[in-house]
Amino acid sequence: MKVSNIAPSRWFATGIIVNIALAVAFEVWRPRGLSYDGLWNARTGFWAGLLLLDNLCVLWWYATTTHAQLALTQAEFKESHRRLLVAQKPVVYTERAEHPEHPGRVNYWIRNAGGGPAINVYYLGLFDLAFQDPIALGAVAADDARVLPAAVKTTLHNGDAGIKFVLLAEAPYTRTTQWTPTLNIRT
């Protein structure tokens, strides 16, 4: 059983029982040849020592329970911080929207469905990954969309066999330490 799980009233009761037991033991085994002043000094010294022991026990109990509470609080803080980062994570994907009055005329958008902004979004075509640099698409606010650049839009529009590409989105809290990739397939 952990120290922090024991109720303070049980600690207090245990302390009283130990104090009474020590006081009775002192009176039973005290030196018999002491004068009144000597006995008074011995009892005063005994009670001062007993109170010092009680203070040390209370400090030890307080430090132990405080340490346990601190560890629990730190774990709760880390979990709440992790949940905040997940809630603010950008989730960026592409959308294809056909113009209703002009068949064959399409527009491609990147949309951020996550809870936080994507401050840097990059397009990486999987086929061209070894031959060209990623294309910067800019920033996309949370729950917002923007039109893809003409070069990417043309590539997606002309791709008949299915184009595989990755969008990489960076959240402001990570600043290049963590990217959110999404695999997109134009079919």
N, C-alpha and C. Protein backbone atom coordinates (compact mmCIF):
# COMPACT_ATOMS: atom_id res chain seq x y z
N MET A 1 0.84 -1.17 0.00
CA MET A 1 0.00 0.00 0.00
C MET A 1 0.90 1.24 0.00
N LYS A 2 0.60 2.18 -0.87
CA LYS A 2 1.39 3.40 -0.94
C LYS A 2 1.08 4.29 0.25
N VAL A 3 2.06 5.12 0.59
CA VAL A 3 1.89 6.04 1.71
C VAL A 3 0.79 7.04 1.40
N SER A 4 0.72 7.50 0.15
CA SER A 4 -0.26 8.53 -0.21
C SER A 4 -1.69 8.01 -0.20
N ASN A 5 -1.88 6.68 -0.20
CA ASN A 5 -3.22 6.11 -0.20
C ASN A 5 -3.81 5.99 1.21
N ILE A 6 -2.99 6.18 2.25
CA ILE A 6 -3.47 6.05 3.61
C ILE A 6 -4.08 7.39 4.04
N ALA A 7 -5.27 7.32 4.64
CA ALA A 7 -5.97 8.53 5.05
C ALA A 7 -5.21 9.25 6.17
N PRO A 8 -5.26 10.59 6.20
CA PRO A 8 -4.56 11.34 7.26
C PRO A 8 -5.05 10.98 8.66
N SER A 9 -6.32 10.63 8.81
CA SER A 9 -6.83 10.26 10.14
C SER A 9 -6.17 8.98 10.65
N ARG A 10 -5.86 8.06 9.76
CA ARG A 10 -5.17 6.83 10.17
C ARG A 10 -3.74 7.14 10.61
N TRP A 11 -3.08 8.08 9.90
CA TRP A 11 -1.73 8.50 10.31
C TRP A 11 -1.78 9.16 11.68
N PHE A 12 -2.78 10.01 11.88
CA PHE A 12 -2.92 10.71 13.16
C PHE A 12 -3.16 9.71 14.29
N ALA A 13 -4.05 8.76 14.08
CA ALA A 13 -4.35 7.74 15.10
C ALA A 13 -3.11 6.90 15.39
N THR A 14 -2.37 6.53 14.37
CA THR A 14 -1.14 5.75 14.56
C THR A 14 -0.13 6.55 15.37
N GLY A 15 -0.02 7.84 15.06
CA GLY A 15 0.91 8.71 15.80
C GLY A 15 0.54 8.81 17.27
N ILE A 16 -0.75 8.94 17.58
CA ILE A 16 -1.19 9.02 18.98
C ILE A 16 -0.86 7.72 19.71
N ILE A 17 -1.13 6.59 19.07
CA ILE A 17 -0.85 5.28 19.71
C ILE A 17 0.64 5.13 19.97
N VAL A 18 1.47 5.50 19.01
CA VAL A 18 2.93 5.40 19.19
C VAL A 18 3.38 6.34 20.31
N ASN A 19 2.85 7.57 20.36
CA ASN A 19 3.23 8.52 21.41
C ASN A 19 2.86 8.00 22.80
N ILE A 20 1.66 7.45 22.94
CA ILE A 20 1.22 6.90 24.23
C ILE A 20 2.10 5.72 24.63
N ALA A 21 2.39 4.85 23.66
CA ALA A 21 3.23 3.69 23.95
C ALA A 21 4.63 4.12 24.39
N LEU A 22 5.20 5.12 23.74
CA LEU A 22 6.53 5.60 24.13
C LEU A 22 6.49 6.28 25.49
N ALA A 23 5.42 7.04 25.77
CA ALA A 23 5.31 7.71 27.08
C ALA A 23 5.19 6.68 28.20
N VAL A 24 4.39 5.65 28.01
CA VAL A 24 4.25 4.59 29.02
C VAL A 24 5.59 3.86 29.19
N ALA A 25 6.28 3.57 28.09
CA ALA A 25 7.58 2.89 28.17
C ALA A 25 8.58 3.76 28.92
N PHE A 26 8.55 5.07 28.70
CA PHE A 26 9.46 5.95 29.43
C PHE A 26 9.18 5.91 30.92
N GLU A 27 7.90 5.98 31.31
CA GLU A 27 7.55 5.99 32.74
C GLU A 27 7.87 4.65 33.40
N VAL A 28 7.74 3.56 32.65
CA VAL A 28 8.02 2.24 33.23
C VAL A 28 9.53 2.06 33.43
N TRP A 29 10.32 2.48 32.43
CA TRP A 29 11.76 2.22 32.48
C TRP A 29 12.60 3.46 32.81
N ARG A 30 12.02 4.48 33.35
CA ARG A 30 12.78 5.68 33.67
C ARG A 30 13.72 5.39 34.85
N PRO A 31 14.77 6.18 34.93
CA PRO A 31 15.69 5.98 36.07
C PRO A 31 14.99 6.34 37.39
N ARG A 32 15.10 5.49 38.41
CA ARG A 32 14.40 5.68 39.68
C ARG A 32 15.16 6.59 40.65
N GLY A 33 16.42 6.78 40.48
CA GLY A 33 17.21 7.55 41.45
C GLY A 33 17.26 9.04 41.14
N LEU A 34 16.37 9.58 40.33
CA LEU A 34 16.41 11.00 39.98
C LEU A 34 15.67 11.83 41.00
N SER A 35 16.17 13.04 41.25
CA SER A 35 15.45 13.98 42.11
C SER A 35 14.27 14.54 41.34
N TYR A 36 13.47 15.36 42.02
CA TYR A 36 12.30 15.94 41.37
C TYR A 36 12.72 16.80 40.16
N ASP A 37 13.75 17.62 40.35
CA ASP A 37 14.25 18.45 39.25
C ASP A 37 14.84 17.60 38.13
N GLY A 38 15.56 16.58 38.47
CA GLY A 38 16.13 15.69 37.46
C GLY A 38 15.06 14.95 36.68
N LEU A 39 14.00 14.50 37.39
CA LEU A 39 12.89 13.81 36.72
C LEU A 39 12.16 14.78 35.78
N TRP A 40 11.97 16.01 36.28
CA TRP A 40 11.33 17.03 35.45
C TRP A 40 12.15 17.27 34.17
N ASN A 41 13.45 17.39 34.28
CA ASN A 41 14.32 17.61 33.12
C ASN A 41 14.28 16.40 32.17
N ALA A 42 14.25 15.19 32.74
CA ALA A 42 14.20 13.99 31.90
C ALA A 42 12.87 13.93 31.13
N ARG A 43 11.76 14.21 31.83
CA ARG A 43 10.45 14.21 31.15
C ARG A 43 10.38 15.31 30.09
N THR A 44 10.89 16.49 30.39
CA THR A 44 10.87 17.59 29.42
C THR A 44 11.69 17.21 28.18
N GLY A 45 12.86 16.64 28.40
CA GLY A 45 13.69 16.20 27.28
C GLY A 45 13.02 15.11 26.47
N PHE A 46 12.36 14.16 27.18
CA PHE A 46 11.65 13.08 26.48
C PHE A 46 10.53 13.65 25.60
N TRP A 47 9.70 14.55 26.16
CA TRP A 47 8.58 15.10 25.38
C TRP A 47 9.08 15.98 24.23
N ALA A 48 10.17 16.71 24.42
CA ALA A 48 10.75 17.50 23.33
C ALA A 48 11.22 16.58 22.19
N GLY A 49 11.86 15.48 22.57
CA GLY A 49 12.30 14.52 21.56
C GLY A 49 11.13 13.86 20.85
N LEU A 50 10.08 13.55 21.63
CA LEU A 50 8.88 12.94 21.03
C LEU A 50 8.20 13.90 20.06
N LEU A 51 8.10 15.18 20.43
CA LEU A 51 7.51 16.17 19.52
C LEU A 51 8.37 16.36 18.27
N LEU A 52 9.69 16.31 18.45
CA LEU A 52 10.58 16.40 17.29
C LEU A 52 10.36 15.20 16.36
N LEU A 53 10.22 14.01 16.93
CA LEU A 53 9.94 12.81 16.13
C LEU A 53 8.60 12.96 15.41
N ASP A 54 7.59 13.48 16.12
CA ASP A 54 6.28 13.70 15.48
C ASP A 54 6.39 14.68 14.32
N ASN A 55 7.13 15.75 14.51
CA ASN A 55 7.32 16.74 13.43
C ASN A 55 8.01 16.10 12.23
N LEU A 56 9.03 15.30 12.50
CA LEU A 56 9.72 14.63 11.40
C LEU A 56 8.79 13.67 10.65
N CYS A 57 7.95 12.96 11.40
CA CYS A 57 6.99 12.05 10.76
C CYS A 57 5.98 12.82 9.90
N VAL A 58 5.49 13.95 10.41
CA VAL A 58 4.55 14.77 9.64
C VAL A 58 5.22 15.30 8.38
N LEU A 59 6.45 15.78 8.49
CA LEU A 59 7.18 16.27 7.31
C LEU A 59 7.40 15.16 6.29
N TRP A 60 7.77 13.97 6.77
CA TRP A 60 7.97 12.85 5.86
C TRP A 60 6.66 12.50 5.15
N TRP A 61 5.56 12.42 5.90
CA TRP A 61 4.26 12.12 5.29
C TRP A 61 3.86 13.19 4.28
N TYR A 62 4.05 14.45 4.63
CA TYR A 62 3.69 15.55 3.73
C TYR A 62 4.54 15.50 2.45
N ALA A 63 5.84 15.27 2.59
CA ALA A 63 6.71 15.20 1.42
C ALA A 63 6.34 14.03 0.52
N THR A 64 6.00 12.90 1.12
CA THR A 64 5.63 11.72 0.33
C THR A 64 4.33 11.94 -0.44
N THR A 65 3.32 12.48 0.25
CA THR A 65 2.04 12.70 -0.43
C THR A 65 2.15 13.82 -1.46
N THR A 66 2.94 14.85 -1.17
CA THR A 66 3.13 15.94 -2.13
C THR A 66 3.86 15.44 -3.37
N HIS A 67 4.84 14.58 -3.18
CA HIS A 67 5.57 14.02 -4.32
C HIS A 67 4.64 13.18 -5.20
N ALA A 68 3.79 12.39 -4.57
CA ALA A 68 2.83 11.58 -5.33
C ALA A 68 1.86 12.47 -6.10
N GLN A 69 1.37 13.53 -5.47
CA GLN A 69 0.46 14.46 -6.14
C GLN A 69 1.17 15.19 -7.28
N LEU A 70 2.43 15.55 -7.07
CA LEU A 70 3.19 16.24 -8.12
C LEU A 70 3.38 15.34 -9.33
N ALA A 71 3.68 14.07 -9.10
CA ALA A 71 3.84 13.13 -10.22
C ALA A 71 2.52 12.98 -10.97
N LEU A 72 1.41 12.91 -10.26
CA LEU A 72 0.10 12.80 -10.89
C LEU A 72 -0.22 14.06 -11.69
N THR A 73 0.07 15.22 -11.13
CA THR A 73 -0.19 16.48 -11.81
C THR A 73 0.66 16.61 -13.06
N GLN A 74 1.91 16.21 -13.00
CA GLN A 74 2.78 16.27 -14.18
C GLN A 74 2.26 15.34 -15.28
N ALA A 75 1.81 14.16 -14.92
CA ALA A 75 1.26 13.24 -15.91
C ALA A 75 -0.01 13.81 -16.54
N GLU A 76 -0.87 14.42 -15.73
CA GLU A 76 -2.08 15.04 -16.27
C GLU A 76 -1.74 16.20 -17.19
N PHE A 77 -0.72 17.00 -16.84
CA PHE A 77 -0.31 18.12 -17.69
C PHE A 77 0.22 17.62 -19.03
N LYS A 78 1.05 16.59 -19.00
CA LYS A 78 1.59 16.05 -20.25
C LYS A 78 0.47 15.52 -21.15
N GLU A 79 -0.50 14.84 -20.55
CA GLU A 79 -1.62 14.31 -21.33
C GLU A 79 -2.47 15.44 -21.91
N SER A 80 -2.73 16.49 -21.12
CA SER A 80 -3.52 17.60 -21.66
C SER A 80 -2.77 18.34 -22.75
N HIS A 81 -1.45 18.45 -22.62
CA HIS A 81 -0.64 19.08 -23.66
C HIS A 81 -0.66 18.24 -24.94
N ARG A 82 -0.58 16.92 -24.79
CA ARG A 82 -0.63 16.04 -25.96
C ARG A 82 -1.98 16.17 -26.66
N ARG A 83 -3.07 16.21 -25.89
CA ARG A 83 -4.41 16.36 -26.48
C ARG A 83 -4.56 17.70 -27.18
N LEU A 84 -3.98 18.75 -26.62
CA LEU A 84 -4.04 20.07 -27.26
C LEU A 84 -3.32 20.04 -28.60
N LEU A 85 -2.14 19.41 -28.64
CA LEU A 85 -1.40 19.34 -29.89
C LEU A 85 -2.15 18.52 -30.94
N VAL A 86 -2.78 17.44 -30.52
CA VAL A 86 -3.56 16.62 -31.46
C VAL A 86 -4.77 17.40 -31.96
N ALA A 87 -5.41 18.15 -31.07
CA ALA A 87 -6.59 18.93 -31.48
C ALA A 87 -6.23 20.04 -32.45
N GLN A 88 -5.00 20.57 -32.37
CA GLN A 88 -4.57 21.64 -33.25
C GLN A 88 -3.78 21.15 -34.46
N LYS A 89 -3.81 19.87 -34.70
CA LYS A 89 -3.05 19.28 -35.79
C LYS A 89 -3.74 19.56 -37.13
N PRO A 90 -3.01 20.07 -38.11
CA PRO A 90 -3.63 20.28 -39.42
C PRO A 90 -3.76 18.96 -40.19
N VAL A 91 -4.88 18.80 -40.86
CA VAL A 91 -5.11 17.64 -41.71
C VAL A 91 -5.47 18.19 -43.09
N VAL A 92 -4.51 18.12 -44.00
CA VAL A 92 -4.67 18.74 -45.31
C VAL A 92 -4.86 17.66 -46.37
N TYR A 93 -5.85 17.87 -47.26
CA TYR A 93 -6.10 16.94 -48.36
C TYR A 93 -6.57 17.74 -49.57
N THR A 94 -6.68 17.06 -50.70
CA THR A 94 -7.11 17.74 -51.93
C THR A 94 -8.58 17.42 -52.20
N GLU A 95 -9.22 18.39 -52.85
CA GLU A 95 -10.61 18.23 -53.30
C GLU A 95 -10.65 18.57 -54.78
N ARG A 96 -11.50 17.86 -55.47
CA ARG A 96 -11.72 18.12 -56.89
C ARG A 96 -13.17 18.61 -57.04
N ALA A 97 -13.33 19.79 -57.61
CA ALA A 97 -14.66 20.38 -57.77
C ALA A 97 -14.91 20.69 -59.24
N GLU A 98 -15.95 20.04 -59.81
CA GLU A 98 -16.32 20.32 -61.20
C GLU A 98 -17.27 21.50 -61.25
N HIS A 99 -17.10 22.28 -62.30
CA HIS A 99 -17.99 23.41 -62.50
C HIS A 99 -19.33 22.85 -62.99
N PRO A 100 -20.47 23.16 -62.33
CA PRO A 100 -21.75 22.53 -62.69
C PRO A 100 -22.26 22.92 -64.08
N GLU A 101 -21.94 24.10 -64.54
CA GLU A 101 -22.45 24.54 -65.85
C GLU A 101 -21.52 24.21 -66.99
N HIS A 102 -20.26 23.89 -66.71
CA HIS A 102 -19.27 23.58 -67.76
C HIS A 102 -18.65 22.22 -67.49
N PRO A 103 -19.21 21.16 -68.06
CA PRO A 103 -18.65 19.83 -67.84
C PRO A 103 -17.19 19.76 -68.34
N GLY A 104 -16.36 19.10 -67.57
CA GLY A 104 -14.96 18.96 -67.92
C GLY A 104 -14.09 20.05 -67.32
N ARG A 105 -14.67 21.12 -66.86
CA ARG A 105 -13.90 22.20 -66.23
C ARG A 105 -13.86 21.91 -64.73
N VAL A 106 -12.69 21.65 -64.24
CA VAL A 106 -12.53 21.29 -62.82
C VAL A 106 -11.54 22.23 -62.15
N ASN A 107 -11.66 22.28 -60.88
CA ASN A 107 -10.73 23.04 -60.07
C ASN A 107 -10.27 22.15 -58.92
N TYR A 108 -9.02 22.28 -58.54
CA TYR A 108 -8.45 21.49 -57.45
C TYR A 108 -8.12 22.42 -56.29
N TRP A 109 -8.49 21.97 -55.10
CA TRP A 109 -8.29 22.74 -53.89
C TRP A 109 -7.53 21.90 -52.88
N ILE A 110 -6.82 22.58 -52.00
CA ILE A 110 -6.33 21.90 -50.80
C ILE A 110 -7.19 22.41 -49.66
N ARG A 111 -7.63 21.50 -48.82
CA ARG A 111 -8.50 21.85 -47.70
C ARG A 111 -7.86 21.35 -46.41
N ASN A 112 -7.94 22.18 -45.38
CA ASN A 112 -7.44 21.82 -44.05
C ASN A 112 -8.65 21.47 -43.18
N ALA A 113 -8.82 20.21 -42.89
CA ALA A 113 -9.94 19.76 -42.07
C ALA A 113 -9.55 19.62 -40.60
N GLY A 114 -8.31 19.96 -40.28
CA GLY A 114 -7.85 19.83 -38.90
C GLY A 114 -8.26 21.01 -38.04
N GLY A 115 -7.87 20.96 -36.77
CA GLY A 115 -8.24 21.99 -35.83
C GLY A 115 -7.28 23.16 -35.75
N GLY A 116 -6.14 23.07 -36.42
CA GLY A 116 -5.16 24.15 -36.38
C GLY A 116 -4.67 24.50 -37.77
N PRO A 117 -4.06 25.65 -37.92
CA PRO A 117 -3.58 26.06 -39.25
C PRO A 117 -2.37 25.26 -39.69
N ALA A 118 -2.24 25.14 -41.00
CA ALA A 118 -1.05 24.55 -41.60
C ALA A 118 -0.24 25.71 -42.16
N ILE A 119 0.89 26.03 -41.55
CA ILE A 119 1.62 27.22 -41.97
C ILE A 119 2.50 26.96 -43.18
N ASN A 120 2.85 25.73 -43.44
CA ASN A 120 3.60 25.34 -44.63
C ASN A 120 3.00 24.04 -45.15
N VAL A 121 2.60 24.06 -46.41
CA VAL A 121 2.08 22.85 -47.05
C VAL A 121 2.91 22.62 -48.30
N TYR A 122 3.36 21.39 -48.49
CA TYR A 122 4.18 21.04 -49.65
C TYR A 122 3.53 19.89 -50.40
N TYR A 123 3.63 19.94 -51.72
CA TYR A 123 3.15 18.88 -52.62
C TYR A 123 4.37 18.09 -53.07
N LEU A 124 4.32 16.76 -52.91
CA LEU A 124 5.39 15.88 -53.37
C LEU A 124 4.76 14.78 -54.21
N GLY A 125 4.96 14.82 -55.50
CA GLY A 125 4.51 13.74 -56.36
C GLY A 125 5.40 12.53 -56.16
N LEU A 126 4.81 11.37 -55.94
CA LEU A 126 5.61 10.18 -55.64
C LEU A 126 6.42 9.71 -56.85
N PHE A 127 5.89 9.92 -58.04
CA PHE A 127 6.63 9.50 -59.23
C PHE A 127 7.82 10.42 -59.47
N ASP A 128 7.66 11.70 -59.21
CA ASP A 128 8.72 12.68 -59.47
C ASP A 128 9.56 13.00 -58.24
N LEU A 129 9.41 12.22 -57.20
CA LEU A 129 10.06 12.53 -55.94
C LEU A 129 11.58 12.60 -56.07
N ALA A 130 12.17 11.74 -56.87
CA ALA A 130 13.62 11.70 -57.00
C ALA A 130 14.14 12.77 -57.96
N PHE A 131 13.27 13.36 -58.78
CA PHE A 131 13.74 14.25 -59.84
C PHE A 131 13.41 15.72 -59.63
N GLN A 132 12.49 16.05 -58.76
CA GLN A 132 12.15 17.46 -58.58
C GLN A 132 11.94 17.77 -57.11
N ASP A 133 12.02 19.05 -56.80
CA ASP A 133 11.83 19.50 -55.42
C ASP A 133 10.35 19.55 -55.09
N PRO A 134 10.04 19.53 -53.79
CA PRO A 134 8.63 19.70 -53.40
C PRO A 134 8.12 21.07 -53.84
N ILE A 135 6.84 21.14 -54.10
CA ILE A 135 6.22 22.40 -54.50
C ILE A 135 5.53 23.00 -53.28
N ALA A 136 5.91 24.24 -52.94
CA ALA A 136 5.30 24.91 -51.80
C ALA A 136 3.91 25.39 -52.19
N LEU A 137 2.93 25.06 -51.37
CA LEU A 137 1.55 25.45 -51.63
C LEU A 137 1.09 26.58 -50.72
N GLY A 138 1.89 26.96 -49.75
CA GLY A 138 1.53 28.06 -48.85
C GLY A 138 0.86 27.58 -47.59
N ALA A 139 0.17 28.50 -46.95
CA ALA A 139 -0.50 28.22 -45.68
C ALA A 139 -2.00 28.04 -45.90
N VAL A 140 -2.60 27.24 -45.04
CA VAL A 140 -4.05 27.03 -45.09
C VAL A 140 -4.55 27.09 -43.64
N ALA A 141 -5.50 27.97 -43.41
CA ALA A 141 -6.08 28.10 -42.07
C ALA A 141 -6.92 26.87 -41.74
N ALA A 142 -7.22 26.71 -40.48
CA ALA A 142 -8.08 25.60 -40.04
C ALA A 142 -9.46 25.76 -40.66
N ASP A 143 -10.00 24.67 -41.19
CA ASP A 143 -11.32 24.65 -41.80
C ASP A 143 -11.43 25.64 -42.96
N ASP A 144 -10.37 25.71 -43.76
CA ASP A 144 -10.34 26.62 -44.90
C ASP A 144 -9.76 25.87 -46.10
N ALA A 145 -9.88 26.48 -47.27
CA ALA A 145 -9.36 25.85 -48.49
C ALA A 145 -8.73 26.92 -49.37
N ARG A 146 -7.87 26.49 -50.29
CA ARG A 146 -7.29 27.40 -51.27
C ARG A 146 -7.03 26.63 -52.55
N VAL A 147 -7.04 27.34 -53.65
CA VAL A 147 -6.84 26.73 -54.96
C VAL A 147 -5.38 26.31 -55.10
N LEU A 148 -5.18 25.15 -55.74
CA LEU A 148 -3.83 24.68 -55.99
C LEU A 148 -3.17 25.53 -57.08
N PRO A 149 -1.85 25.64 -57.08
CA PRO A 149 -1.16 26.35 -58.16
C PRO A 149 -1.41 25.68 -59.51
N ALA A 150 -1.24 26.45 -60.58
CA ALA A 150 -1.57 25.97 -61.94
C ALA A 150 -0.76 24.73 -62.31
N ALA A 151 0.52 24.66 -61.95
CA ALA A 151 1.35 23.51 -62.33
C ALA A 151 0.84 22.23 -61.69
N VAL A 152 0.46 22.29 -60.44
CA VAL A 152 -0.05 21.11 -59.74
C VAL A 152 -1.44 20.77 -60.27
N LYS A 153 -2.25 21.77 -60.52
CA LYS A 153 -3.60 21.55 -61.03
C LYS A 153 -3.55 20.88 -62.39
N THR A 154 -2.64 21.30 -63.26
CA THR A 154 -2.50 20.69 -64.58
C THR A 154 -2.05 19.24 -64.46
N THR A 155 -1.11 18.97 -63.57
CA THR A 155 -0.63 17.60 -63.36
C THR A 155 -1.78 16.71 -62.90
N LEU A 156 -2.58 17.18 -61.96
CA LEU A 156 -3.69 16.38 -61.45
C LEU A 156 -4.79 16.22 -62.51
N HIS A 157 -5.04 17.26 -63.29
CA HIS A 157 -6.09 17.20 -64.30
C HIS A 157 -5.74 16.25 -65.44
N ASN A 158 -4.48 16.21 -65.82
CA ASN A 158 -4.05 15.37 -66.95
C ASN A 158 -3.70 13.94 -66.54
N GLY A 159 -3.65 13.64 -65.27
CA GLY A 159 -3.24 12.31 -64.82
C GLY A 159 -4.35 11.30 -64.98
N ASP A 160 -4.24 10.43 -66.04
CA ASP A 160 -5.32 9.48 -66.28
C ASP A 160 -5.10 8.13 -65.62
N ALA A 161 -3.89 7.77 -65.31
CA ALA A 161 -3.65 6.45 -64.73
C ALA A 161 -3.63 6.49 -63.21
N GLY A 162 -3.89 7.61 -62.65
CA GLY A 162 -3.87 7.72 -61.20
C GLY A 162 -2.55 8.30 -60.73
N ILE A 163 -2.61 9.43 -60.14
CA ILE A 163 -1.40 10.11 -59.65
C ILE A 163 -1.38 9.98 -58.14
N LYS A 164 -0.24 9.51 -57.66
CA LYS A 164 -0.06 9.40 -56.22
C LYS A 164 0.83 10.53 -55.76
N PHE A 165 0.41 11.21 -54.72
CA PHE A 165 1.21 12.31 -54.20
C PHE A 165 0.97 12.44 -52.70
N VAL A 166 1.90 13.13 -52.07
CA VAL A 166 1.83 13.35 -50.63
C VAL A 166 1.77 14.85 -50.38
N LEU A 167 0.90 15.23 -49.47
CA LEU A 167 0.87 16.60 -48.98
C LEU A 167 1.48 16.60 -47.58
N LEU A 168 2.45 17.45 -47.36
CA LEU A 168 3.06 17.58 -46.04
C LEU A 168 2.62 18.91 -45.45
N ALA A 169 2.06 18.88 -44.25
CA ALA A 169 1.59 20.10 -43.59
C ALA A 169 2.34 20.27 -42.28
N GLU A 170 2.73 21.52 -42.03
CA GLU A 170 3.44 21.84 -40.79
C GLU A 170 2.56 22.70 -39.90
N ALA A 171 2.45 22.30 -38.65
CA ALA A 171 1.67 23.06 -37.67
C ALA A 171 2.56 24.13 -37.04
N PRO A 172 2.01 25.23 -36.57
CA PRO A 172 2.85 26.29 -35.99
C PRO A 172 3.59 25.88 -34.73
N TYR A 173 3.01 24.96 -33.94
CA TYR A 173 3.67 24.58 -32.69
C TYR A 173 4.87 23.69 -32.91
N THR A 174 4.99 23.08 -34.08
CA THR A 174 6.09 22.15 -34.30
C THR A 174 7.31 22.83 -34.90
N ARG A 175 7.08 23.79 -35.76
CA ARG A 175 8.15 24.52 -36.45
C ARG A 175 9.25 23.57 -36.92
N THR A 176 8.90 22.78 -37.90
CA THR A 176 9.77 21.85 -38.61
C THR A 176 10.26 20.67 -37.77
N THR A 177 9.63 20.39 -36.68
CA THR A 177 10.01 19.19 -35.93
C THR A 177 9.04 18.05 -36.17
N GLN A 178 7.86 18.34 -36.67
CA GLN A 178 6.88 17.28 -36.92
C GLN A 178 6.00 17.71 -38.08
N TRP A 179 5.88 16.84 -39.04
CA TRP A 179 5.05 17.14 -40.21
C TRP A 179 3.90 16.16 -40.24
N THR A 180 2.79 16.59 -40.81
CA THR A 180 1.61 15.74 -40.94
C THR A 180 1.47 15.36 -42.40
N PRO A 181 1.83 14.12 -42.77
CA PRO A 181 1.70 13.71 -44.16
C PRO A 181 0.32 13.12 -44.43
N THR A 182 -0.20 13.36 -45.65
CA THR A 182 -1.43 12.72 -46.10
C THR A 182 -1.19 12.22 -47.51
N LEU A 183 -1.47 10.95 -47.74
CA LEU A 183 -1.31 10.35 -49.06
C LEU A 183 -2.59 10.59 -49.84
N ASN A 184 -2.46 11.15 -51.03
CA ASN A 184 -3.60 11.43 -51.90
C ASN A 184 -3.41 10.67 -53.20
N ILE A 185 -4.50 10.15 -53.73
CA ILE A 185 -4.44 9.43 -55.01
C ILE A 185 -5.51 10.02 -55.91
N ARG A 186 -5.07 10.54 -57.04
CA ARG A 186 -6.01 11.05 -58.05
C ARG A 186 -6.37 9.91 -58.97
N THR A 187 -7.62 9.46 -58.93
CA THR A 187 -8.05 8.33 -59.75
C THR A 187 -8.94 8.80 -60.87
